[in-house]
Amino acid sequence: MGTPRSDLPSRFSLAVENVTAGNYVITAEATDNQGARTISAPVTVYVQEVVLPVVWLATPDRLAMEGADDDALVVVNRSGDLGQPLVVYYSLIGTASNGVDYTWLPGFIEIPANAATVEIVIHAIPDTEFEPPENIGLSIEPSPSGAYRIGESNRTAITIVPAPPTPPQGLVVTDPEDSGPAPAWLAGVISPPTAQIVQLSYLRNGTCRLALSGAPGETVVIEVSTNLDDWQPLATVRLDDGWLEFEDPSAINFGRSFYRLNTKE
C-alpha cells in the first residue's frame, strides 16, 4: 500500500465477504517504522441477514379461447417488503407459439411498488384454420440480480381452446329452427374412436344436442368437461345404425362445455 506520509492522516479499507449475520466488535492495530504500536477504540459492526422476497404463481383461469372475450390469467405473487418494485422473470414453453397463438409476452413482468401481485394475461389469437387445443407452460426463472427466491408454486399450464365456429373434422355447430344461436363458449373435441361428433346444436331450452356418426353397432362413451382437464363420462351409447342423436340437458348449468368420444372400456 506504500509508505504513508507522516504529515497526513492515513485511511485504509478492508472488504470481508460471506459474513454471518450478527454483531461484531472490530479494532485496528497500527505499527510505525520505529515499532511503536497502538490499538484503536473498538467499533461495533452490525451485520443483518438479507431477507429476499419469495415469488410464486396462482392461476385463477387457465383457459384462453380464440375469438372470444375469454383470456387465461396467471397471478404473480410476492412476499416480504413491498416498498420497491420487483421485476420477475419467467419462461414459456409448449405447443402454442408466443406472439403467434397468443399475444406476445416478453418473459418478465414488474410487480409495482406497494403491490403484492401482478397479472399476466394470456389472450389467444384466432387461427384461420382449425388446430387442436394447444398448451403453454409458464415457469418462474431466477432473477439475474438475485432479487428474489422462487417459491414452491412456480409453474403453471395454460390451454388455448380453438374457437367453436371453426369446427374440427366435419364438426358443425348449427342453428336449427328449434334452436337459438350457438353461444361462443360451445365447443367440441374429437377423440380416438371411429365415431365422430358431426353436428352440435344449442337448443333454446339450454340443452346441447350432439349428432354422432360411426360404424354400425359401435359403442362409445360421451365425455364432458368444463376445463379440458377434468373429463366426466356423460353416457355410454350404441350407434345401432351408425347414427345417433344425444341431448345433454346439463349444458345449461355450465358457462362452457367441451365434448369428446372415447371407446367403451
C-alpha atoms as a PDB file:
ATOM      1  CA  MET A   1       0.000   0.000   0.000  1.00  0.00           C
ATOM      2  CA  GLY A   2       3.070   2.225   0.107  1.00  0.00           C
ATOM      3  CA  THR A   3       4.513   4.323   2.895  1.00  0.00           C
ATOM      4  CA  PRO A   4       2.012   6.842   4.279  1.00  0.00           C
ATOM      5  CA  ARG A   5       3.085  10.441   4.760  1.00  0.00           C
ATOM      6  CA  SER A   6       3.605  11.349   8.403  1.00  0.00           C
ATOM      7  CA  ASP A   7       2.000  14.752   7.998  1.00  0.00           C
ATOM      8  CA  LEU A   8      -1.322  13.410   6.630  1.00  0.00           C
ATOM      9  CA  PRO A   9      -3.934  11.121   8.135  1.00  0.00           C
ATOM     10  CA  SER A  10      -3.967   7.684   6.567  1.00  0.00           C
ATOM     11  CA  ARG A  11      -7.061   5.733   5.554  1.00  0.00           C
ATOM     12  CA  PHE A  12      -7.260   2.005   4.962  1.00  0.00           C
ATOM     13  CA  SER A  13     -10.173  -0.184   3.846  1.00  0.00           C
ATOM     14  CA  LEU A  14     -10.903  -3.862   4.277  1.00  0.00           C
ATOM     15  CA  ALA A  15     -13.606  -5.893   2.484  1.00  0.00           C
ATOM     16  CA  VAL A  16     -14.941  -9.069   4.059  1.00  0.00           C
ATOM     17  CA  GLU A  17     -17.348 -11.389   2.228  1.00  0.00           C
ATOM     18  CA  ASN A  18     -19.795 -14.099   3.341  1.00  0.00           C
ATOM     19  CA  VAL A  19     -20.082 -12.792   6.865  1.00  0.00           C
ATOM     20  CA  THR A  20     -22.668 -14.485   9.052  1.00  0.00           C
ATOM     21  CA  ALA A  21     -25.365 -12.175  10.401  1.00  0.00           C
ATOM     22  CA  GLY A  22     -24.614 -10.881  13.900  1.00  0.00           C
ATOM     23  CA  ASN A  23     -22.806  -8.191  15.904  1.00  0.00           C
ATOM     24  CA  TYR A  24     -19.043  -7.814  15.626  1.00  0.00           C
ATOM     25  CA  VAL A  25     -16.523  -5.681  17.569  1.00  0.00           C
ATOM     26  CA  ILE A  26     -13.616  -4.519  15.437  1.00  0.00           C
ATOM     27  CA  THR A  27     -10.352  -2.824  16.486  1.00  0.00           C
ATOM     28  CA  ALA A  28      -7.459  -1.628  14.353  1.00  0.00           C
ATOM     29  CA  GLU A  29      -3.805  -2.031  15.313  1.00  0.00           C
ATOM     30  CA  ALA A  30      -1.126   0.198  13.805  1.00  0.00           C
ATOM     31  CA  THR A  31       2.694  -0.136  13.956  1.00  0.00           C
ATOM     32  CA  ASP A  32       5.015   2.618  12.802  1.00  0.00           C
ATOM     33  CA  ASN A  33       8.527   2.343  11.348  1.00  0.00           C
ATOM     34  CA  GLN A  34      10.033   2.525  14.829  1.00  0.00           C
ATOM     35  CA  GLY A  35       7.987  -0.430  16.044  1.00  0.00           C
ATOM     36  CA  ALA A  36       5.614   1.637  18.151  1.00  0.00           C
ATOM     37  CA  ARG A  37       2.138   0.142  18.288  1.00  0.00           C
ATOM     38  CA  THR A  38      -1.309   1.466  19.074  1.00  0.00           C
ATOM     39  CA  ILE A  39      -4.803  -0.008  19.063  1.00  0.00           C
ATOM     40  CA  SER A  40      -7.900   1.934  18.133  1.00  0.00           C
ATOM     41  CA  ALA A  41     -11.046   2.200  20.166  1.00  0.00           C
ATOM     42  CA  PRO A  42     -13.449  -0.674  19.465  1.00  0.00           C
ATOM     43  CA  VAL A  43     -16.141  -0.241  16.798  1.00  0.00           C
ATOM     44  CA  THR A  44     -19.275  -2.373  16.787  1.00  0.00           C
ATOM     45  CA  VAL A  45     -20.488  -3.540  13.359  1.00  0.00           C
ATOM     46  CA  TYR A  46     -23.970  -4.953  12.901  1.00  0.00           C
ATOM     47  CA  VAL A  47     -24.405  -7.416  10.028  1.00  0.00           C
ATOM     48  CA  GLN A  48     -28.014  -8.092   9.092  1.00  0.00           C
ATOM     49  CA  GLU A  49     -29.312 -11.029   7.091  1.00  0.00           C
ATOM     50  CA  VAL A  50     -30.759 -10.054   3.716  1.00  0.00           C
ATOM     51  CA  VAL A  51     -34.290 -11.472   3.518  1.00  0.00           C
ATOM     52  CA  LEU A  52     -35.229 -11.853  -0.133  1.00  0.00           C
ATOM     53  CA  PRO A  53     -38.863 -11.785  -1.221  1.00  0.00           C
ATOM     54  CA  VAL A  54     -40.408 -15.078  -2.312  1.00  0.00           C
ATOM     55  CA  VAL A  55     -42.334 -15.164  -5.597  1.00  0.00           C
ATOM     56  CA  TRP A  56     -44.886 -17.764  -6.690  1.00  0.00           C
ATOM     57  CA  LEU A  57     -47.756 -18.271  -9.141  1.00  0.00           C
ATOM     58  CA  ALA A  58     -51.513 -18.679  -8.903  1.00  0.00           C
ATOM     59  CA  THR A  59     -53.751 -19.479 -11.890  1.00  0.00           C
ATOM     60  CA  PRO A  60     -57.379 -18.426 -11.395  1.00  0.00           C
ATOM     61  CA  ASP A  61     -58.221 -19.042 -15.076  1.00  0.00           C
ATOM     62  CA  ARG A  62     -56.123 -21.442 -17.157  1.00  0.00           C
ATOM     63  CA  LEU A  63     -58.231 -21.467 -20.336  1.00  0.00           C
ATOM     64  CA  ALA A  64     -57.957 -18.950 -23.171  1.00  0.00           C
ATOM     65  CA  MET A  65     -60.466 -19.253 -26.019  1.00  0.00           C
ATOM     66  CA  GLU A  66     -59.865 -17.995 -29.526  1.00  0.00           C
ATOM     67  CA  GLY A  67     -62.298 -15.477 -30.901  1.00  0.00           C
ATOM     68  CA  ALA A  68     -63.942 -14.775 -27.549  1.00  0.00           C
ATOM     69  CA  ASP A  69     -63.517 -12.415 -24.636  1.00  0.00           C
ATOM     70  CA  ASP A  70     -62.091 -15.261 -22.582  1.00  0.00           C
ATOM     71  CA  ASP A  71     -58.464 -14.821 -21.535  1.00  0.00           C
ATOM     72  CA  ALA A  72     -56.354 -17.008 -19.274  1.00  0.00           C
ATOM     73  CA  LEU A  73     -54.955 -15.360 -16.170  1.00  0.00           C
ATOM     74  CA  VAL A  74     -51.781 -16.041 -14.168  1.00  0.00           C
ATOM     75  CA  VAL A  75     -51.107 -14.063 -10.984  1.00  0.00           C
ATOM     76  CA  VAL A  76     -47.504 -13.466  -9.866  1.00  0.00           C
ATOM     77  CA  ASN A  77     -47.327 -13.086  -6.074  1.00  0.00           C
ATOM     78  CA  ARG A  78     -44.579 -11.909  -3.763  1.00  0.00           C
ATOM     79  CA  SER A  79     -43.958 -11.816  -0.021  1.00  0.00           C
ATOM     80  CA  GLY A  80     -41.738  -9.554   2.034  1.00  0.00           C
ATOM     81  CA  ASP A  81     -41.065  -5.837   1.686  1.00  0.00           C
ATOM     82  CA  LEU A  82     -43.436  -4.247  -0.831  1.00  0.00           C
ATOM     83  CA  GLY A  83     -41.814  -0.817  -0.791  1.00  0.00           C
ATOM     84  CA  GLN A  84     -39.874  -1.280  -4.044  1.00  0.00           C
ATOM     85  CA  PRO A  85     -40.926  -2.599  -7.471  1.00  0.00           C
ATOM     86  CA  LEU A  86     -39.759  -6.114  -8.288  1.00  0.00           C
ATOM     87  CA  VAL A  87     -39.098  -7.495 -11.766  1.00  0.00           C
ATOM     88  CA  VAL A  88     -39.937 -11.215 -12.029  1.00  0.00           C
ATOM     89  CA  TYR A  89     -38.644 -13.332 -14.909  1.00  0.00           C
ATOM     90  CA  TYR A  90     -40.461 -16.288 -16.473  1.00  0.00           C
ATOM     91  CA  SER A  91     -40.078 -18.731 -19.352  1.00  0.00           C
ATOM     92  CA  LEU A  92     -42.654 -20.029 -21.815  1.00  0.00           C
ATOM     93  CA  ILE A  93     -42.757 -23.462 -23.455  1.00  0.00           C
ATOM     94  CA  GLY A  94     -45.448 -25.607 -25.049  1.00  0.00           C
ATOM     95  CA  THR A  95     -47.157 -26.298 -28.351  1.00  0.00           C
ATOM     96  CA  ALA A  96     -48.529 -22.744 -28.556  1.00  0.00           C
ATOM     97  CA  SER A  97     -46.137 -20.157 -30.018  1.00  0.00           C
ATOM     98  CA  ASN A  98     -45.551 -16.824 -28.287  1.00  0.00           C
ATOM     99  CA  GLY A  99     -46.773 -13.969 -30.488  1.00  0.00           C
ATOM    100  CA  VAL A 100     -48.453 -16.376 -32.931  1.00  0.00           C
ATOM    101  CA  ASP A 101     -51.043 -18.302 -30.946  1.00  0.00           C
ATOM    102  CA  TYR A 102     -51.283 -15.735 -28.148  1.00  0.00           C
ATOM    103  CA  THR A 103     -50.316 -12.098 -27.747  1.00  0.00           C
ATOM    104  CA  TRP A 104     -46.592 -11.534 -27.214  1.00  0.00           C
ATOM    105  CA  LEU A 105     -45.273 -11.941 -23.680  1.00  0.00           C
ATOM    106  CA  PRO A 106     -41.752 -10.560 -23.024  1.00  0.00           C
ATOM    107  CA  GLY A 107     -40.651 -13.081 -20.372  1.00  0.00           C
ATOM    108  CA  PHE A 108     -40.579 -10.635 -17.466  1.00  0.00           C
ATOM    109  CA  ILE A 109     -43.082  -8.521 -15.564  1.00  0.00           C
ATOM    110  CA  GLU A 110     -42.780  -5.866 -12.862  1.00  0.00           C
ATOM    111  CA  ILE A 111     -44.698  -6.004  -9.621  1.00  0.00           C
ATOM    112  CA  PRO A 112     -45.242  -2.317  -8.796  1.00  0.00           C
ATOM    113  CA  ALA A 113     -44.130  -0.756  -5.530  1.00  0.00           C
ATOM    114  CA  ASN A 114     -46.645  -1.232  -2.699  1.00  0.00           C
ATOM    115  CA  ALA A 115     -48.274  -4.136  -4.566  1.00  0.00           C
ATOM    116  CA  ALA A 116     -48.091  -7.822  -3.704  1.00  0.00           C
ATOM    117  CA  THR A 117     -49.310  -9.161  -7.061  1.00  0.00           C
ATOM    118  CA  VAL A 118     -49.373  -8.523 -10.779  1.00  0.00           C
ATOM    119  CA  GLU A 119     -51.347 -10.299 -13.512  1.00  0.00           C
ATOM    120  CA  ILE A 120     -50.110 -11.961 -16.693  1.00  0.00           C
ATOM    121  CA  VAL A 121     -52.968 -12.066 -19.206  1.00  0.00           C
ATOM    122  CA  ILE A 122     -52.837 -14.695 -21.964  1.00  0.00           C
ATOM    123  CA  HIS A 123     -55.000 -13.634 -24.901  1.00  0.00           C
ATOM    124  CA  ALA A 124     -55.470 -16.230 -27.636  1.00  0.00           C
ATOM    125  CA  ILE A 125     -55.040 -15.119 -31.249  1.00  0.00           C
ATOM    126  CA  PRO A 126     -57.680 -16.692 -33.548  1.00  0.00           C
ATOM    127  CA  ASP A 127     -56.396 -19.103 -36.202  1.00  0.00           C
ATOM    128  CA  THR A 128     -57.577 -19.072 -39.786  1.00  0.00           C
ATOM    129  CA  GLU A 129     -57.656 -22.874 -39.739  1.00  0.00           C
ATOM    130  CA  PHE A 130     -58.683 -25.321 -37.050  1.00  0.00           C
ATOM    131  CA  GLU A 131     -55.992 -26.575 -34.687  1.00  0.00           C
ATOM    132  CA  PRO A 132     -56.463 -28.862 -31.708  1.00  0.00           C
ATOM    133  CA  PRO A 133     -56.127 -27.298 -28.238  1.00  0.00           C
ATOM    134  CA  GLU A 134     -52.613 -26.007 -27.591  1.00  0.00           C
ATOM    135  CA  ASN A 135     -50.772 -25.606 -24.307  1.00  0.00           C
ATOM    136  CA  ILE A 136     -48.417 -23.129 -22.652  1.00  0.00           C
ATOM    137  CA  GLY A 137     -46.085 -23.943 -19.789  1.00  0.00           C
ATOM    138  CA  LEU A 138     -45.115 -20.882 -17.752  1.00  0.00           C
ATOM    139  CA  SER A 139     -42.325 -21.113 -15.144  1.00  0.00           C
ATOM    140  CA  ILE A 140     -40.691 -18.533 -12.886  1.00  0.00           C
ATOM    141  CA  GLU A 141     -36.970 -18.155 -13.614  1.00  0.00           C
ATOM    142  CA  PRO A 142     -34.190 -16.885 -11.308  1.00  0.00           C
ATOM    143  CA  SER A 143     -33.507 -13.164 -11.219  1.00  0.00           C
ATOM    144  CA  PRO A 144     -30.187 -12.232 -12.900  1.00  0.00           C
ATOM    145  CA  SER A 145     -29.500  -9.947  -9.931  1.00  0.00           C
ATOM    146  CA  GLY A 146     -30.643 -12.450  -7.299  1.00  0.00           C
ATOM    147  CA  ALA A 147     -33.504 -10.168  -6.266  1.00  0.00           C
ATOM    148  CA  TYR A 148     -35.911 -12.901  -5.100  1.00  0.00           C
ATOM    149  CA  ARG A 149     -36.311 -16.523  -4.136  1.00  0.00           C
ATOM    150  CA  ILE A 150     -38.616 -18.841  -6.077  1.00  0.00           C
ATOM    151  CA  GLY A 151     -41.478 -20.411  -4.141  1.00  0.00           C
ATOM    152  CA  GLU A 152     -42.843 -23.927  -4.488  1.00  0.00           C
ATOM    153  CA  SER A 153     -45.733 -22.996  -6.777  1.00  0.00           C
ATOM    154  CA  ASN A 154     -43.516 -21.779  -9.604  1.00  0.00           C
ATOM    155  CA  ARG A 155     -45.022 -23.462 -12.676  1.00  0.00           C
ATOM    156  CA  THR A 156     -48.420 -23.446 -14.318  1.00  0.00           C
ATOM    157  CA  ALA A 157     -50.093 -24.656 -17.512  1.00  0.00           C
ATOM    158  CA  ILE A 158     -52.459 -22.794 -19.819  1.00  0.00           C
ATOM    159  CA  THR A 159     -54.665 -24.285 -22.538  1.00  0.00           C
ATOM    160  CA  ILE A 160     -55.673 -22.383 -25.678  1.00  0.00           C
ATOM    161  CA  VAL A 161     -59.025 -23.631 -26.953  1.00  0.00           C
ATOM    162  CA  PRO A 162     -59.935 -23.250 -30.644  1.00  0.00           C
ATOM    163  CA  ALA A 163     -62.859 -21.031 -31.485  1.00  0.00           C
ATOM    164  CA  PRO A 164     -66.073 -23.110 -31.688  1.00  0.00           C
ATOM    165  CA  PRO A 165     -67.176 -21.597 -35.029  1.00  0.00           C
ATOM    166  CA  THR A 166     -64.146 -23.259 -36.607  1.00  0.00           C
ATOM    167  CA  PRO A 167     -65.259 -26.920 -36.457  1.00  0.00           C
ATOM    168  CA  PRO A 168     -62.781 -29.837 -36.360  1.00  0.00           C
ATOM    169  CA  GLN A 169     -63.007 -32.740 -38.832  1.00  0.00           C
ATOM    170  CA  GLY A 170     -66.503 -32.014 -40.069  1.00  0.00           C
ATOM    171  CA  LEU A 171     -67.953 -30.936 -36.727  1.00  0.00           C
ATOM    172  CA  VAL A 172     -70.737 -28.449 -37.473  1.00  0.00           C
ATOM    173  CA  VAL A 173     -72.250 -26.035 -34.978  1.00  0.00           C
ATOM    174  CA  THR A 174     -75.776 -25.493 -36.269  1.00  0.00           C
ATOM    175  CA  ASP A 175     -78.696 -23.219 -35.617  1.00  0.00           C
ATOM    176  CA  PRO A 176     -81.718 -25.371 -36.475  1.00  0.00           C
ATOM    177  CA  GLU A 177     -85.230 -23.990 -36.391  1.00  0.00           C
ATOM    178  CA  ASP A 178     -85.791 -25.191 -32.840  1.00  0.00           C
ATOM    179  CA  SER A 179     -82.523 -23.776 -31.518  1.00  0.00           C
ATOM    180  CA  GLY A 180     -81.093 -20.431 -30.586  1.00  0.00           C
ATOM    181  CA  PRO A 181     -77.788 -19.019 -31.775  1.00  0.00           C
ATOM    182  CA  ALA A 182     -74.839 -21.207 -30.843  1.00  0.00           C
ATOM    183  CA  PRO A 183     -73.084 -19.419 -27.940  1.00  0.00           C
ATOM    184  CA  ALA A 184     -69.410 -18.535 -28.124  1.00  0.00           C
ATOM    185  CA  TRP A 185     -68.439 -20.982 -25.388  1.00  0.00           C
ATOM    186  CA  LEU A 186     -69.803 -24.099 -27.126  1.00  0.00           C
ATOM    187  CA  ALA A 187     -67.060 -26.409 -28.412  1.00  0.00           C
ATOM    188  CA  GLY A 188     -66.493 -29.983 -29.475  1.00  0.00           C
ATOM    189  CA  VAL A 189     -63.434 -32.232 -29.248  1.00  0.00           C
ATOM    190  CA  ILE A 190     -62.882 -35.320 -31.390  1.00  0.00           C
ATOM    191  CA  SER A 191     -61.334 -38.410 -29.765  1.00  0.00           C
ATOM    192  CA  PRO A 192     -59.870 -41.738 -30.951  1.00  0.00           C
ATOM    193  CA  PRO A 193     -62.989 -43.842 -31.709  1.00  0.00           C
ATOM    194  CA  THR A 194     -64.237 -44.323 -35.268  1.00  0.00           C
ATOM    195  CA  ALA A 195     -67.367 -42.427 -34.300  1.00  0.00           C
ATOM    196  CA  GLN A 196     -67.306 -38.644 -34.549  1.00  0.00           C
ATOM    197  CA  ILE A 197     -69.353 -35.731 -33.340  1.00  0.00           C
ATOM    198  CA  VAL A 198     -70.572 -34.423 -36.693  1.00  0.00           C
ATOM    199  CA  GLN A 199     -73.170 -31.928 -35.517  1.00  0.00           C
ATOM    200  CA  LEU A 200     -73.587 -29.912 -32.361  1.00  0.00           C
ATOM    201  CA  SER A 201     -76.612 -27.726 -31.624  1.00  0.00           C
ATOM    202  CA  TYR A 202     -77.522 -25.428 -28.782  1.00  0.00           C
ATOM    203  CA  LEU A 203     -81.285 -25.564 -28.221  1.00  0.00           C
ATOM    204  CA  ARG A 204     -83.417 -22.756 -26.871  1.00  0.00           C
ATOM    205  CA  ASN A 205     -84.149 -24.664 -23.667  1.00  0.00           C
ATOM    206  CA  GLY A 206     -80.423 -24.750 -22.826  1.00  0.00           C
ATOM    207  CA  THR A 207     -79.921 -28.354 -23.924  1.00  0.00           C
ATOM    208  CA  CYS A 208     -76.937 -29.272 -26.070  1.00  0.00           C
ATOM    209  CA  ARG A 209     -77.654 -31.785 -28.859  1.00  0.00           C
ATOM    210  CA  LEU A 210     -74.871 -33.920 -30.318  1.00  0.00           C
ATOM    211  CA  ALA A 211     -75.183 -35.900 -33.528  1.00  0.00           C
ATOM    212  CA  LEU A 212     -72.822 -38.891 -33.707  1.00  0.00           C
ATOM    213  CA  SER A 213     -71.762 -40.830 -36.763  1.00  0.00           C
ATOM    214  CA  GLY A 214     -69.702 -44.012 -36.816  1.00  0.00           C
ATOM    215  CA  ALA A 215     -69.600 -47.712 -37.581  1.00  0.00           C
ATOM    216  CA  PRO A 216     -72.955 -49.510 -37.174  1.00  0.00           C
ATOM    217  CA  GLY A 217     -73.073 -51.157 -33.764  1.00  0.00           C
ATOM    218  CA  GLU A 218     -70.135 -49.160 -32.384  1.00  0.00           C
ATOM    219  CA  THR A 219     -70.329 -48.335 -28.661  1.00  0.00           C
ATOM    220  CA  VAL A 220     -68.725 -45.150 -27.382  1.00  0.00           C
ATOM    221  CA  VAL A 221     -68.598 -43.122 -24.197  1.00  0.00           C
ATOM    222  CA  ILE A 222     -69.594 -39.455 -24.444  1.00  0.00           C
ATOM    223  CA  GLU A 223     -67.469 -37.425 -22.038  1.00  0.00           C
ATOM    224  CA  VAL A 224     -67.906 -33.797 -20.980  1.00  0.00           C
ATOM    225  CA  SER A 225     -65.551 -31.241 -19.435  1.00  0.00           C
ATOM    226  CA  THR A 226     -65.653 -27.591 -18.485  1.00  0.00           C
ATOM    227  CA  ASN A 227     -61.876 -27.065 -18.453  1.00  0.00           C
ATOM    228  CA  LEU A 228     -60.326 -29.701 -20.787  1.00  0.00           C
ATOM    229  CA  ASP A 229     -58.612 -31.287 -17.781  1.00  0.00           C
ATOM    230  CA  ASP A 230     -61.327 -32.999 -15.790  1.00  0.00           C
ATOM    231  CA  TRP A 231     -63.465 -35.240 -18.001  1.00  0.00           C
ATOM    232  CA  GLN A 232     -66.609 -36.942 -16.747  1.00  0.00           C
ATOM    233  CA  PRO A 233     -68.484 -39.742 -18.532  1.00  0.00           C
ATOM    234  CA  LEU A 234     -71.846 -38.428 -19.632  1.00  0.00           C
ATOM    235  CA  ALA A 235     -73.349 -41.522 -21.256  1.00  0.00           C
ATOM    236  CA  THR A 236     -72.448 -44.798 -22.953  1.00  0.00           C
ATOM    237  CA  VAL A 237     -74.285 -45.110 -26.248  1.00  0.00           C
ATOM    238  CA  ARG A 238     -74.510 -47.579 -29.123  1.00  0.00           C
ATOM    239  CA  LEU A 239     -74.746 -46.461 -32.731  1.00  0.00           C
ATOM    240  CA  ASP A 240     -77.058 -49.224 -33.936  1.00  0.00           C
ATOM    241  CA  ASP A 241     -77.449 -47.787 -37.437  1.00  0.00           C
ATOM    242  CA  GLY A 242     -74.195 -45.831 -37.436  1.00  0.00           C
ATOM    243  CA  TRP A 243     -76.003 -42.648 -36.364  1.00  0.00           C
ATOM    244  CA  LEU A 244     -77.300 -41.276 -33.052  1.00  0.00           C
ATOM    245  CA  GLU A 245     -78.583 -38.003 -31.637  1.00  0.00           C
ATOM    246  CA  PHE A 246     -77.910 -37.321 -27.963  1.00  0.00           C
ATOM    247  CA  GLU A 247     -79.051 -34.393 -25.807  1.00  0.00           C
ATOM    248  CA  ASP A 248     -77.210 -33.088 -22.743  1.00  0.00           C
ATOM    249  CA  PRO A 249     -79.654 -31.135 -20.532  1.00  0.00           C
ATOM    250  CA  SER A 250     -76.882 -30.328 -18.043  1.00  0.00           C
ATOM    251  CA  ALA A 251     -75.167 -27.964 -20.513  1.00  0.00           C
ATOM    252  CA  ILE A 252     -77.333 -25.086 -19.316  1.00  0.00           C
ATOM    253  CA  ASN A 253     -75.666 -25.286 -15.891  1.00  0.00           C
ATOM    254  CA  PHE A 254     -72.154 -24.500 -17.113  1.00  0.00           C
ATOM    255  CA  GLY A 255     -70.500 -21.455 -18.639  1.00  0.00           C
ATOM    256  CA  ARG A 256     -68.872 -23.634 -21.294  1.00  0.00           C
ATOM    257  CA  SER A 257     -68.882 -27.306 -22.172  1.00  0.00           C
ATOM    258  CA  PHE A 258     -66.484 -29.479 -24.169  1.00  0.00           C
ATOM    259  CA  TYR A 259     -67.346 -32.924 -25.515  1.00  0.00           C
ATOM    260  CA  ARG A 260     -65.307 -35.860 -26.729  1.00  0.00           C
ATOM    261  CA  LEU A 261     -65.823 -39.525 -27.548  1.00  0.00           C
ATOM    262  CA  ASN A 262     -63.908 -42.441 -26.104  1.00  0.00           C
ATOM    263  CA  THR A 263     -64.055 -46.147 -26.729  1.00  0.00           C
ATOM    264  CA  LYS A 264     -66.050 -48.121 -24.203  1.00  0.00           C
ATOM    265  CA  GLU A 265     -63.863 -49.711 -21.530  1.00  0.00           C
END
